[in-house]
Amino acid sequence: MIFELDMIQTTALAVVVLLVGQFIRKRVSSLEKFCIPAPVIGGLIFAILSLVLKQAGILEFNFDGTLKKVLMTAFFTTVGFTASFKLLKKGGVQVLMFLGLATVLVTLQNIVGVSLAKVFGLNQLLGLSTGSVPMTGGHGTSGAFAPLFENAGASGATTVAMASATFGLICGSMLGGPIAKRLIEKNNLLKACKNSDGNEKVSTTEKVASTLIPENLFSAAMQIIIAMGLGTVLSSLLQKTGMTFPSYIGAMFAAAIMRNISDAVASYELPSEEIDILGNISLSLFLAMALMGLKLWQLADLAGPMLAMLVAQAVLMATFAYFVTFNLMGRNYDAAVLAGGHCGFGMGATPNAIANMEAISSKYGPAPAAFFIIPLVGSLFIDFFNAGIITFFMNLVR
């Protein structure tokens, strides 16, 4: 029996799945520790339930994904609004250096994924589904690109990418601490991070409470919609090149243009906080829809090769952080903390990187440079570079 859900029913179920994920996340400390997003928790539980029902011949779900595409575009539009080149320039040489390293890692992740897929005789787009799409990109980028891979003939790409992204969240969180600890102790960096006055350490990521302004929320929604509309024009122009691009790419570029105009013109101000909130809402619902629609039974024939490819990605990340990130970012205490954070960032998401660095700095001492660099690169710029590199590889191997 196939149970069809229309657009509204699919969205309502996604909200329920999201709420279930939030409920479980609050009560299972390990999920909080590894920064597993609530929609991923709820979505995977629903996907497992769907697998059981299908295998038992009881029920199979069929969802209307219309709003999923809209929410995906809305989220990546809000990512575009963060691409301030004024901030990038202000960040200085170290920010540019780390962005360069993160971009090199993205390229290597895709080379490893594609190469191993070729070794195992798999569609090379499945290799990209274990590369920078889920690793540096996370669940959001996985949900955006994997359907394109499936349309190009890579059956099961969405399931592989989402499973890989979840693996990355956990593995990146587990790698960061030990790598930073080894670097700090081996290179005798302890004395460099001691508080000179011996006072208790203060969290570098403490947030200041603020009040939302209704007019700003309205303005944020309107500007997101305008950027999405302009993005359809840009996307249609990009498609004429003959290359394949994700549907959101035009909206992301339109938002980036609007952001940089705002930086240059004092009279045009963007409500950044409200845009960020609407982006988080869009991402949460989009992920819930993407995860609850996973077809886990497609993993059966891919389990062995996929495990090998994910282990290879973990080895790449650990090696890169230990030998490249640490050495090129200064071989000092901040560089060691940055290497630990890069593991969370390069295999999971920026919150995982922050969690890694918080754990390290709470033991050894503050690392202000690391806490400045990773959020700036991870939250503002890497999605742009990652999307471009993935698009290049996708068109190269399809």
Protein backbone atom coordinates (compact mmCIF):
# COMPACT_ATOMS: atom_id res chain seq x y z
CA MET A 1 0.00 0.00 0.00
CA ILE A 2 1.34 3.45 -0.98
CA PHE A 3 0.31 6.41 1.20
CA GLU A 4 0.34 9.65 -0.82
CA LEU A 5 0.85 12.94 1.05
CA ASP A 6 0.18 16.27 -0.66
CA MET A 7 2.25 19.44 -0.21
CA ILE A 8 0.52 20.63 2.97
CA GLN A 9 0.44 17.17 4.57
CA THR A 10 4.13 16.65 3.79
CA THR A 11 5.00 19.98 5.43
CA ALA A 12 2.87 19.22 8.49
CA LEU A 13 4.54 15.82 8.88
CA ALA A 14 7.94 17.49 8.56
CA VAL A 15 7.04 19.78 11.47
CA VAL A 16 6.06 16.75 13.58
CA VAL A 17 9.31 15.00 12.65
CA LEU A 18 11.26 18.14 13.61
CA LEU A 19 9.50 18.41 16.98
CA VAL A 20 10.18 14.74 17.72
CA GLY A 21 13.84 15.34 16.92
CA GLN A 22 13.98 18.35 19.25
CA PHE A 23 12.31 16.36 22.04
CA ILE A 24 14.78 13.47 21.75
CA ARG A 25 17.83 15.74 21.37
CA LYS A 26 17.06 17.49 24.65
CA ARG A 27 16.93 14.18 26.48
CA VAL A 28 19.91 12.34 24.98
CA SER A 29 23.14 14.08 26.00
CA SER A 30 25.29 12.35 23.37
CA LEU A 31 23.18 13.89 20.60
CA GLU A 32 23.80 17.34 22.08
CA LYS A 33 27.50 16.54 22.49
CA PHE A 34 27.95 15.69 18.81
CA CYS A 35 25.74 18.61 17.68
CA ILE A 36 23.37 16.32 15.74
CA PRO A 37 20.59 18.59 14.35
CA ALA A 38 17.04 17.92 15.51
CA PRO A 39 15.64 17.40 11.97
CA VAL A 40 18.35 14.78 11.35
CA ILE A 41 17.35 12.87 14.49
CA GLY A 42 13.62 12.98 13.76
CA GLY A 43 14.10 12.40 10.05
CA LEU A 44 16.31 9.32 10.53
CA ILE A 45 13.84 7.83 13.00
CA PHE A 46 11.04 8.30 10.48
CA ALA A 47 13.22 6.89 7.68
CA ILE A 48 13.93 3.78 9.77
CA LEU A 49 10.21 3.41 10.48
CA SER A 50 9.52 3.72 6.73
CA LEU A 51 12.13 1.04 6.04
CA VAL A 52 10.50 -1.37 8.51
CA LEU A 53 7.01 -0.74 7.10
CA LYS A 54 8.19 -1.20 3.50
CA GLN A 55 10.17 -4.37 4.20
CA ALA A 56 7.17 -5.81 6.03
CA GLY A 57 4.97 -5.02 3.01
CA ILE A 58 2.65 -2.87 5.12
CA LEU A 59 3.03 0.68 3.88
CA GLU A 60 5.16 2.94 1.69
CA PHE A 61 5.12 6.75 1.80
CA ASN A 62 5.15 9.06 -1.20
CA PHE A 63 5.77 12.76 -0.43
CA ASP A 64 5.10 15.94 -2.39
CA GLY A 65 8.45 17.76 -2.46
CA THR A 66 7.24 21.10 -3.84
CA LEU A 67 7.83 23.09 -0.67
CA LYS A 68 11.07 21.22 0.03
CA LYS A 69 12.62 22.89 -3.02
CA VAL A 70 11.27 26.31 -1.96
CA LEU A 71 12.67 25.91 1.56
CA MET A 72 16.03 24.75 0.21
CA THR A 73 16.25 27.82 -2.03
CA ALA A 74 15.22 30.10 0.85
CA PHE A 75 17.95 28.68 3.09
CA PHE A 76 20.74 29.04 0.54
CA THR A 77 19.49 32.55 -0.23
CA THR A 78 20.11 33.45 3.42
CA VAL A 79 23.60 31.93 3.06
CA GLY A 80 24.15 34.34 0.17
CA PHE A 81 23.26 37.28 2.42
CA THR A 82 26.21 36.40 4.67
CA ALA A 83 28.81 36.64 1.87
CA SER A 84 30.27 39.99 2.82
CA PHE A 85 33.58 40.58 1.08
CA LYS A 86 34.09 43.59 3.32
CA LEU A 87 34.18 41.22 6.30
CA LEU A 88 36.47 38.84 4.45
CA LYS A 89 38.92 41.65 3.78
CA LYS A 90 38.65 42.85 7.37
CA GLY A 91 39.45 39.35 8.64
CA GLY A 92 42.99 39.66 7.32
CA VAL A 93 45.55 37.23 6.00
CA GLN A 94 44.74 34.39 8.42
CA VAL A 95 41.09 34.28 7.38
CA LEU A 96 42.09 34.19 3.72
CA MET A 97 44.67 31.52 4.49
CA PHE A 98 42.16 29.29 6.27
CA LEU A 99 39.58 29.82 3.52
CA GLY A 100 42.24 28.69 1.05
CA LEU A 101 43.01 25.59 3.14
CA ALA A 102 39.31 24.77 3.49
CA THR A 103 38.92 25.07 -0.29
CA VAL A 104 41.89 22.75 -0.88
CA LEU A 105 40.35 20.22 1.53
CA VAL A 106 37.02 20.42 -0.36
CA THR A 107 38.84 19.60 -3.59
CA LEU A 108 40.73 16.69 -2.01
CA GLN A 109 37.53 15.29 -0.48
CA ASN A 110 35.96 15.12 -3.93
CA ILE A 111 39.07 13.62 -5.53
CA VAL A 112 39.11 10.88 -2.87
CA GLY A 113 35.38 10.21 -3.24
CA VAL A 114 35.41 10.06 -7.04
CA SER A 115 38.61 7.96 -7.15
CA LEU A 116 37.32 5.35 -4.70
CA ALA A 117 33.96 5.17 -6.49
CA LYS A 118 35.90 4.36 -9.65
CA VAL A 119 37.91 1.68 -7.80
CA PHE A 120 34.71 0.04 -6.54
CA GLY A 121 33.04 0.26 -9.96
CA LEU A 122 30.36 2.66 -8.73
CA ASN A 123 28.84 5.70 -10.38
CA GLN A 124 31.35 8.49 -9.69
CA LEU A 125 28.53 10.76 -8.58
CA LEU A 126 28.09 8.40 -5.63
CA GLY A 127 31.72 9.19 -4.83
CA LEU A 128 30.81 12.88 -4.72
CA SER A 129 28.01 11.88 -2.35
CA THR A 130 30.72 10.90 0.16
CA GLY A 131 33.00 13.85 -0.69
CA SER A 132 32.66 17.54 0.15
CA VAL A 133 28.89 17.40 -0.42
CA PRO A 134 28.24 15.73 2.97
CA MET A 135 31.62 16.38 4.62
CA THR A 136 32.23 20.12 4.37
CA GLY A 137 28.70 20.76 3.08
CA GLY A 138 26.71 18.78 5.65
CA HIS A 139 23.06 17.80 5.40
CA GLY A 140 21.96 21.05 3.74
CA THR A 141 24.32 20.73 0.78
CA SER A 142 23.59 16.99 0.62
CA GLY A 143 19.89 17.64 0.30
CA ALA A 144 20.53 20.16 -2.47
CA PHE A 145 23.03 18.30 -4.67
CA ALA A 146 22.20 14.62 -4.16
CA PRO A 147 18.86 14.82 -6.05
CA LEU A 148 20.81 16.27 -8.99
CA PHE A 149 23.12 13.26 -8.83
CA GLU A 150 20.13 10.91 -8.82
CA ASN A 151 18.63 12.68 -11.84
CA ALA A 152 21.97 12.10 -13.58
CA GLY A 153 21.74 8.35 -12.91
CA ALA A 154 23.33 7.86 -9.47
CA SER A 155 20.61 5.81 -7.78
CA GLY A 156 20.68 6.11 -3.99
CA ALA A 157 22.81 9.29 -3.97
CA THR A 158 20.51 11.11 -1.55
CA THR A 159 20.54 8.28 0.97
CA VAL A 160 24.32 7.90 0.68
CA ALA A 161 24.90 11.65 1.08
CA MET A 162 22.62 12.00 4.09
CA ALA A 163 24.10 8.93 5.80
CA SER A 164 27.60 10.26 5.07
CA ALA A 165 26.73 13.67 6.51
CA THR A 166 25.54 12.06 9.74
CA PHE A 167 28.73 9.98 9.91
CA GLY A 168 30.73 13.17 9.36
CA LEU A 169 29.03 15.02 12.22
CA ILE A 170 29.95 12.26 14.67
CA CYS A 171 33.42 11.46 13.34
CA GLY A 172 34.46 15.11 13.03
CA SER A 173 33.46 15.72 16.63
CA MET A 174 35.46 12.70 17.79
CA LEU A 175 38.62 13.54 15.81
CA GLY A 176 39.07 17.18 16.77
CA GLY A 177 39.89 16.86 20.46
CA PRO A 178 42.52 14.10 20.24
CA ILE A 179 44.29 15.79 17.31
CA ALA A 180 44.48 19.16 19.07
CA LYS A 181 45.62 17.49 22.32
CA ARG A 182 48.41 15.67 20.51
CA LEU A 183 49.56 18.85 18.74
CA ILE A 184 49.51 20.93 21.94
CA GLU A 185 51.41 18.41 24.03
CA LYS A 186 53.87 17.22 21.38
CA ASN A 187 54.87 20.78 20.48
CA ASN A 188 54.93 21.99 24.10
CA LEU A 189 52.31 24.67 23.49
CA LEU A 190 50.83 24.51 26.99
CA LYS A 191 52.75 27.49 28.36
CA ALA A 192 51.54 29.65 25.48
CA CYS A 193 47.90 29.23 26.45
CA LYS A 194 48.04 29.71 30.22
CA ASN A 195 46.03 32.61 31.55
CA SER A 196 48.57 35.09 32.86
CA ASP A 197 46.39 36.03 35.84
CA GLY A 198 45.23 32.50 36.59
CA ASN A 199 41.57 33.47 36.36
CA GLU A 200 38.89 31.04 35.28
CA LYS A 201 38.46 30.81 31.51
CA VAL A 202 35.51 32.49 29.86
CA SER A 203 33.68 31.01 26.88
CA THR A 204 34.69 32.71 23.64
CA THR A 205 31.33 32.02 22.03
CA GLU A 206 29.06 33.55 24.64
CA LYS A 207 25.98 35.00 22.97
CA VAL A 208 24.33 38.29 23.82
CA ALA A 209 20.55 38.22 24.07
CA SER A 210 18.71 40.56 21.72
CA THR A 211 15.13 41.52 20.93
CA LEU A 212 13.60 40.89 17.51
CA ILE A 213 11.95 43.83 15.75
CA PRO A 214 8.75 42.90 13.81
CA GLU A 215 9.49 45.42 11.03
CA ASN A 216 12.92 43.86 10.53
CA LEU A 217 11.43 40.37 10.35
CA PHE A 218 9.01 41.58 7.66
CA SER A 219 11.86 43.29 5.77
CA ALA A 220 13.99 40.14 6.01
CA ALA A 221 11.22 37.97 4.54
CA MET A 222 10.63 40.44 1.69
CA GLN A 223 14.33 40.68 0.81
CA ILE A 224 14.72 36.89 0.82
CA ILE A 225 11.77 36.60 -1.59
CA ILE A 226 13.17 39.35 -3.84
CA ALA A 227 16.57 37.61 -3.95
CA MET A 228 14.87 34.30 -4.77
CA GLY A 229 12.97 35.96 -7.61
CA LEU A 230 16.08 37.62 -9.03
CA GLY A 231 17.86 34.31 -8.60
CA THR A 232 15.53 32.57 -11.05
CA VAL A 233 16.75 34.97 -13.75
CA LEU A 234 20.41 34.40 -12.87
CA SER A 235 19.88 30.63 -12.75
CA SER A 236 18.28 30.60 -16.20
CA LEU A 237 21.29 32.52 -17.57
CA LEU A 238 23.70 30.07 -15.93
CA GLN A 239 21.86 27.08 -17.39
CA LYS A 240 22.48 28.46 -20.88
CA THR A 241 26.18 27.68 -20.41
CA GLY A 242 25.28 24.00 -20.83
CA MET A 243 26.55 23.11 -17.35
CA THR A 244 24.39 21.73 -14.55
CA PHE A 245 23.87 24.01 -11.54
CA PRO A 246 21.84 23.54 -8.35
CA SER A 247 18.55 25.43 -8.50
CA TYR A 248 19.48 27.70 -5.61
CA ILE A 249 22.72 29.03 -7.10
CA GLY A 250 21.13 32.08 -8.74
CA ALA A 251 19.32 33.11 -5.56
CA MET A 252 22.52 32.73 -3.55
CA PHE A 253 24.42 34.98 -5.96
CA ALA A 254 21.58 37.53 -6.00
CA ALA A 255 21.60 37.66 -2.20
CA ALA A 256 25.39 38.06 -2.17
CA ILE A 257 25.12 41.02 -4.55
CA MET A 258 22.45 42.60 -2.34
CA ARG A 259 24.62 42.06 0.75
CA ASN A 260 27.65 43.74 -0.78
CA ILE A 261 25.54 46.66 -2.05
CA SER A 262 24.31 47.04 1.53
CA ASP A 263 27.91 47.08 2.78
CA ALA A 264 28.75 49.84 0.30
CA VAL A 265 25.60 51.99 0.65
CA ALA A 266 24.87 53.36 4.12
CA SER A 267 21.16 53.97 3.41
CA TYR A 268 20.50 50.30 2.56
CA GLU A 269 20.67 48.10 5.64
CA LEU A 270 19.99 44.37 5.81
CA PRO A 271 18.31 42.88 8.92
CA SER A 272 20.98 40.18 9.26
CA GLU A 273 19.72 38.60 12.48
CA GLU A 274 16.18 38.19 11.19
CA ILE A 275 17.46 36.81 7.87
CA ASP A 276 19.49 34.26 9.83
CA ILE A 277 16.43 33.20 11.85
CA LEU A 278 14.32 32.69 8.73
CA GLY A 279 17.20 30.76 7.18
CA ASN A 280 17.40 28.43 10.18
CA ILE A 281 13.64 27.79 10.03
CA SER A 282 13.87 27.02 6.30
CA LEU A 283 16.84 24.70 6.83
CA SER A 284 15.18 22.80 9.67
CA LEU A 285 12.00 22.10 7.68
CA PHE A 286 13.96 21.33 4.51
CA LEU A 287 16.16 18.81 6.35
CA ALA A 288 13.17 17.19 8.04
CA MET A 289 11.54 16.69 4.63
CA ALA A 290 14.77 15.42 3.05
CA LEU A 291 15.59 12.97 5.85
CA MET A 292 12.11 11.53 6.29
CA GLY A 293 12.08 10.73 2.56
CA LEU A 294 15.30 8.68 2.69
CA LYS A 295 15.14 5.25 1.08
CA LEU A 296 17.40 3.36 3.44
CA TRP A 297 16.91 0.08 1.59
CA GLN A 298 19.11 1.54 -1.18
CA LEU A 299 22.14 1.29 1.16
CA ALA A 300 22.14 -2.52 1.24
CA ASP A 301 24.38 -2.99 -1.82
CA LEU A 302 26.52 0.07 -1.05
CA ALA A 303 27.33 -0.60 2.61
CA GLY A 304 30.85 -2.03 2.12
CA PRO A 305 32.19 0.47 -0.44
CA MET A 306 30.51 3.35 1.38
CA LEU A 307 32.17 2.42 4.67
CA ALA A 308 35.58 2.29 2.98
CA MET A 309 35.01 5.70 1.37
CA LEU A 310 33.94 7.26 4.66
CA VAL A 311 36.95 5.84 6.51
CA ALA A 312 39.15 7.31 3.76
CA GLN A 313 37.50 10.71 4.28
CA ALA A 314 38.15 10.50 8.03
CA VAL A 315 41.83 9.65 7.42
CA LEU A 316 42.10 12.53 4.94
CA MET A 317 40.58 14.97 7.44
CA ALA A 318 42.80 13.89 10.32
CA THR A 319 45.95 13.98 8.16
CA PHE A 320 45.07 17.36 6.66
CA ALA A 321 44.30 18.97 10.04
CA TYR A 322 47.42 17.55 11.70
CA PHE A 323 50.00 18.21 9.00
CA VAL A 324 48.55 21.02 6.88
CA THR A 325 46.17 23.19 8.93
CA PHE A 326 48.42 23.26 12.00
CA ASN A 327 51.64 23.97 10.10
CA LEU A 328 50.32 26.57 7.68
CA MET A 329 48.24 28.43 10.26
CA GLY A 330 51.26 29.19 12.44
CA ARG A 331 52.32 26.09 14.43
CA ASN A 332 51.17 27.81 17.64
CA TYR A 333 48.45 27.16 20.21
CA ASP A 334 45.73 28.88 18.17
CA ALA A 335 46.77 26.79 15.16
CA ALA A 336 46.41 23.60 17.22
CA VAL A 337 42.91 24.61 18.37
CA LEU A 338 42.10 25.60 14.78
CA ALA A 339 43.20 22.15 13.59
CA GLY A 340 40.82 20.55 16.09
CA GLY A 341 38.03 22.84 14.96
CA HIS A 342 38.77 22.13 11.31
CA CYS A 343 37.92 18.46 11.92
CA GLY A 344 34.42 19.41 13.09
CA PHE A 345 34.06 21.95 10.30
CA GLY A 346 35.51 19.80 7.51
CA MET A 347 33.44 16.71 8.36
CA GLY A 348 30.39 18.20 9.95
CA ALA A 349 29.41 21.82 10.42
CA THR A 350 30.52 25.06 12.05
CA PRO A 351 28.70 24.26 15.34
CA ASN A 352 30.71 21.03 15.57
CA ALA A 353 33.90 23.03 15.06
CA ILE A 354 32.90 25.44 17.81
CA ALA A 355 32.03 22.53 20.12
CA ASN A 356 35.45 20.98 19.45
CA MET A 357 37.25 24.24 20.16
CA GLU A 358 35.20 24.91 23.30
CA ALA A 359 36.18 21.51 24.67
CA ILE A 360 39.86 22.13 23.87
CA SER A 361 39.99 25.71 25.18
CA SER A 362 38.13 24.79 28.37
CA LYS A 363 41.02 22.44 29.19
CA TYR A 364 44.03 24.37 27.88
CA GLY A 365 43.02 28.03 27.60
CA PRO A 366 41.43 30.63 25.29
CA ALA A 367 42.19 30.70 21.55
CA PRO A 368 40.62 33.95 20.29
CA ALA A 369 42.09 33.77 16.78
CA ALA A 370 40.67 30.30 16.18
CA PHE A 371 37.23 31.34 17.43
CA PHE A 372 37.29 34.32 15.05
CA ILE A 373 38.52 32.50 11.95
CA ILE A 374 36.34 29.36 11.82
CA PRO A 375 32.91 30.99 12.27
CA LEU A 376 33.78 33.63 9.68
CA VAL A 377 34.89 31.10 7.06
CA GLY A 378 32.40 28.37 7.99
CA SER A 379 29.31 30.54 8.26
CA LEU A 380 30.01 33.10 5.55
CA PHE A 381 32.18 31.85 2.70
CA ILE A 382 32.85 28.13 2.37
CA ASP A 383 29.40 27.27 1.00
CA PHE A 384 30.09 29.49 -2.00
CA PHE A 385 33.40 27.86 -2.79
CA ASN A 386 32.11 24.36 -2.02
CA ALA A 387 29.12 24.78 -4.34
CA GLY A 388 31.38 25.91 -7.17
CA ILE A 389 33.82 23.02 -6.73
CA ILE A 390 31.03 20.43 -6.45
CA THR A 391 29.43 21.84 -9.61
CA PHE A 392 32.76 21.54 -11.43
CA PHE A 393 33.23 17.88 -10.36
CA MET A 394 29.59 17.05 -11.10
CA ASN A 395 29.90 18.29 -14.66
CA LEU A 396 33.29 16.61 -15.02
CA VAL A 397 32.17 13.08 -14.09
CA ARG A 398 28.49 12.90 -15.06
